[in-house]
Amino acid sequence: MRNQLLADERRRTDSIAEMGALTSAIAQRDTRKARAASQAHILSARDALLDRLEEG
């Protein structure tokens, strides 16, 4: 699943930005931001996967 998503250049770019936000929040020791960034990353990956499955 991860390989399929990261094969998409747009998703790869989005994922890098999402992980950057998560890393930044962790470095700042901001648990609320880290939780929000983690959830946003998971939801975005889920949506991208569903889009790929619908495309067939």
Protein backbone atom coordinates (compact mmCIF):
# COMPACT_ATOMS: atom_id res chain seq x y z
CA MET A 1 0.00 0.00 0.00
CA ARG A 2 2.72 2.47 0.95
CA ASN A 3 4.65 1.77 -2.23
CA GLN A 4 1.56 2.34 -4.35
CA LEU A 5 0.86 5.67 -2.69
CA LEU A 6 4.43 6.90 -2.89
CA ALA A 7 4.58 6.02 -6.58
CA ASP A 8 2.24 8.99 -7.07
CA GLU A 9 4.40 12.14 -7.22
CA ARG A 10 1.67 14.37 -5.76
CA ARG A 11 1.10 12.03 -2.82
CA ARG A 12 4.83 11.70 -2.27
CA THR A 13 5.14 15.51 -2.08
CA ASP A 14 2.15 15.75 0.26
CA SER A 15 3.51 12.98 2.46
CA ILE A 16 6.89 14.71 2.80
CA ALA A 17 5.15 17.94 3.87
CA GLU A 18 2.95 16.06 6.34
CA MET A 19 5.91 14.27 7.86
CA GLY A 20 7.76 17.58 8.09
CA ALA A 21 4.87 19.05 10.08
CA LEU A 22 4.86 16.03 12.36
CA THR A 23 8.62 16.15 12.88
CA SER A 24 8.47 19.87 13.64
CA ALA A 25 5.71 19.39 16.20
CA ILE A 26 7.65 16.60 17.89
CA ALA A 27 10.82 18.70 17.97
CA GLN A 28 8.82 21.50 19.60
CA ARG A 29 7.39 18.96 22.07
CA ASP A 30 3.92 20.15 21.11
CA THR A 31 1.74 17.09 21.61
CA ARG A 32 -1.41 18.73 20.26
CA LYS A 33 0.28 19.73 17.00
CA ALA A 34 1.94 16.33 16.75
CA ARG A 35 -1.36 14.54 17.20
CA ALA A 36 -3.07 16.79 14.65
CA ALA A 37 -0.24 16.32 12.13
CA SER A 38 -0.29 12.56 12.62
CA GLN A 39 -4.04 12.36 12.16
CA ALA A 40 -3.91 14.61 9.10
CA HIS A 41 -1.22 12.37 7.56
CA ILE A 42 -3.25 9.21 8.18
CA LEU A 43 -6.46 10.70 6.80
CA SER A 44 -4.67 12.04 3.75
CA ALA A 45 -3.09 8.65 3.05
CA ARG A 46 -6.47 6.97 3.48
CA ASP A 47 -8.13 9.36 1.05
CA ALA A 48 -5.34 8.93 -1.50
CA LEU A 49 -5.62 5.15 -1.27
CA LEU A 50 -9.39 5.25 -1.71
CA ASP A 51 -8.94 7.49 -4.76
CA ARG A 52 -6.47 5.00 -6.26
CA LEU A 53 -8.80 2.09 -5.61
CA GLU A 54 -11.70 3.91 -7.26
CA GLU A 55 -9.53 4.62 -10.31
CA GLY A 56 -9.11 0.89 -10.65
